[in-house]
């Protein structure tokens, strides 16, 4: 379990550095940027469990995973267009 926590949280360290740098470039205070990030993270936890369970009830676990893959792909496409 500890190894999985380390593996899945590894991107947080460089991601935090990049996030801080971009927030400073945009003129956003770090506290406000991290507050918004934590709010979005907590909202995802709250809504994700409910929506994932609802999708699993409707079409099985595969529907939940396919929906998540579609959301990730959409985010990747948006980020590539913006960057």
Protein backbone atom coordinates (compact mmCIF):
# COMPACT_ATOMS: atom_id res chain seq x y z
CA UNK A 1 0.00 0.00 0.00
CA UNK A 2 2.80 2.44 0.81
CA UNK A 3 4.50 1.75 -2.52
CA UNK A 4 1.25 2.53 -4.36
CA UNK A 5 0.92 5.82 -2.45
CA UNK A 6 4.45 6.79 -3.42
CA UNK A 7 3.93 5.79 -7.06
CA UNK A 8 0.66 7.66 -7.51
CA UNK A 9 1.79 10.79 -5.64
CA UNK A 10 5.15 11.12 -7.41
CA UNK A 11 3.90 13.67 -9.98
CA UNK A 12 2.74 15.98 -7.19
CA UNK A 13 6.24 17.29 -6.42
CA UNK A 14 7.21 18.53 -9.90
CA UNK A 15 3.58 19.42 -10.56
CA UNK A 16 3.52 21.68 -7.51
CA UNK A 17 6.66 23.46 -8.67
CA UNK A 18 5.25 24.00 -12.16
CA UNK A 19 1.92 25.10 -10.76
CA UNK A 20 3.58 27.64 -8.45
CA UNK A 21 5.70 29.02 -11.28
CA UNK A 22 2.73 29.45 -13.62
CA UNK A 23 0.61 31.05 -10.89
CA UNK A 24 3.37 33.60 -10.25
CA UNK A 25 3.67 34.32 -14.00
CA UNK A 26 -0.08 34.93 -14.18
CA UNK A 27 0.09 37.31 -11.21
CA UNK A 28 -2.00 35.08 -8.94
CA UNK A 29 -1.04 34.83 -5.30
CA UNK A 30 0.15 31.37 -4.31
CA UNK A 31 -2.34 31.06 -1.46
CA UNK A 32 -5.27 31.82 -3.77
CA UNK A 33 -3.99 29.41 -6.43
CA UNK A 34 -3.49 26.56 -3.96
CA UNK A 35 -6.85 27.28 -2.33
CA UNK A 36 -8.58 26.99 -5.70
CA UNK A 37 -6.68 23.77 -6.42
CA UNK A 38 -7.66 22.23 -3.09
CA UNK A 39 -11.30 23.22 -3.66
CA UNK A 40 -11.28 21.58 -7.10
CA UNK A 41 -9.55 18.48 -5.69
CA UNK A 42 -12.11 18.13 -2.86
CA UNK A 43 -15.00 18.70 -5.28
CA UNK A 44 -13.64 15.93 -7.48
CA UNK A 45 -13.51 13.53 -4.56
CA UNK A 46 -17.07 14.40 -3.55
CA UNK A 47 -18.61 14.22 -7.00
CA UNK A 48 -16.36 11.47 -8.38
CA UNK A 49 -17.47 8.78 -5.97
CA UNK A 50 -21.13 9.52 -6.59
CA UNK A 51 -20.81 9.75 -10.39
CA UNK A 52 -18.55 6.72 -10.64
CA UNK A 53 -20.97 4.64 -8.60
CA UNK A 54 -23.92 5.85 -10.67
CA UNK A 55 -22.14 4.97 -13.92
CA UNK A 56 -21.14 1.56 -12.54
CA UNK A 57 -24.76 0.87 -11.63
CA UNK A 58 -25.91 1.87 -15.10
CA UNK A 59 -23.36 0.02 -17.23
CA UNK A 60 -20.88 -1.81 -15.04
CA UNK A 61 -17.34 -0.89 -14.06
CA UNK A 62 -16.24 -0.63 -17.68
CA UNK A 63 -18.53 2.36 -18.24
CA UNK A 64 -16.97 4.18 -15.28
CA UNK A 65 -13.45 3.58 -16.58
CA UNK A 66 -14.33 4.50 -20.16
CA UNK A 67 -15.98 7.71 -18.99
CA UNK A 68 -12.91 8.62 -16.96
CA UNK A 69 -10.67 7.88 -19.95
CA UNK A 70 -12.84 10.18 -22.10
CA UNK A 71 -12.58 12.98 -19.52
CA UNK A 72 -8.79 12.56 -19.37
CA UNK A 73 -8.52 12.60 -23.16
CA UNK A 74 -10.65 15.72 -23.37
CA UNK A 75 -8.48 17.44 -20.74
CA UNK A 76 -5.35 16.46 -22.66
CA UNK A 77 -6.74 17.88 -25.89
CA UNK A 78 -7.74 21.14 -24.21
CA UNK A 79 -4.35 21.48 -22.53
CA UNK A 80 -2.47 20.81 -25.79
CA UNK A 81 -4.53 23.47 -27.54
CA UNK A 82 -3.91 26.04 -24.77
CA UNK A 83 -0.20 25.34 -24.37
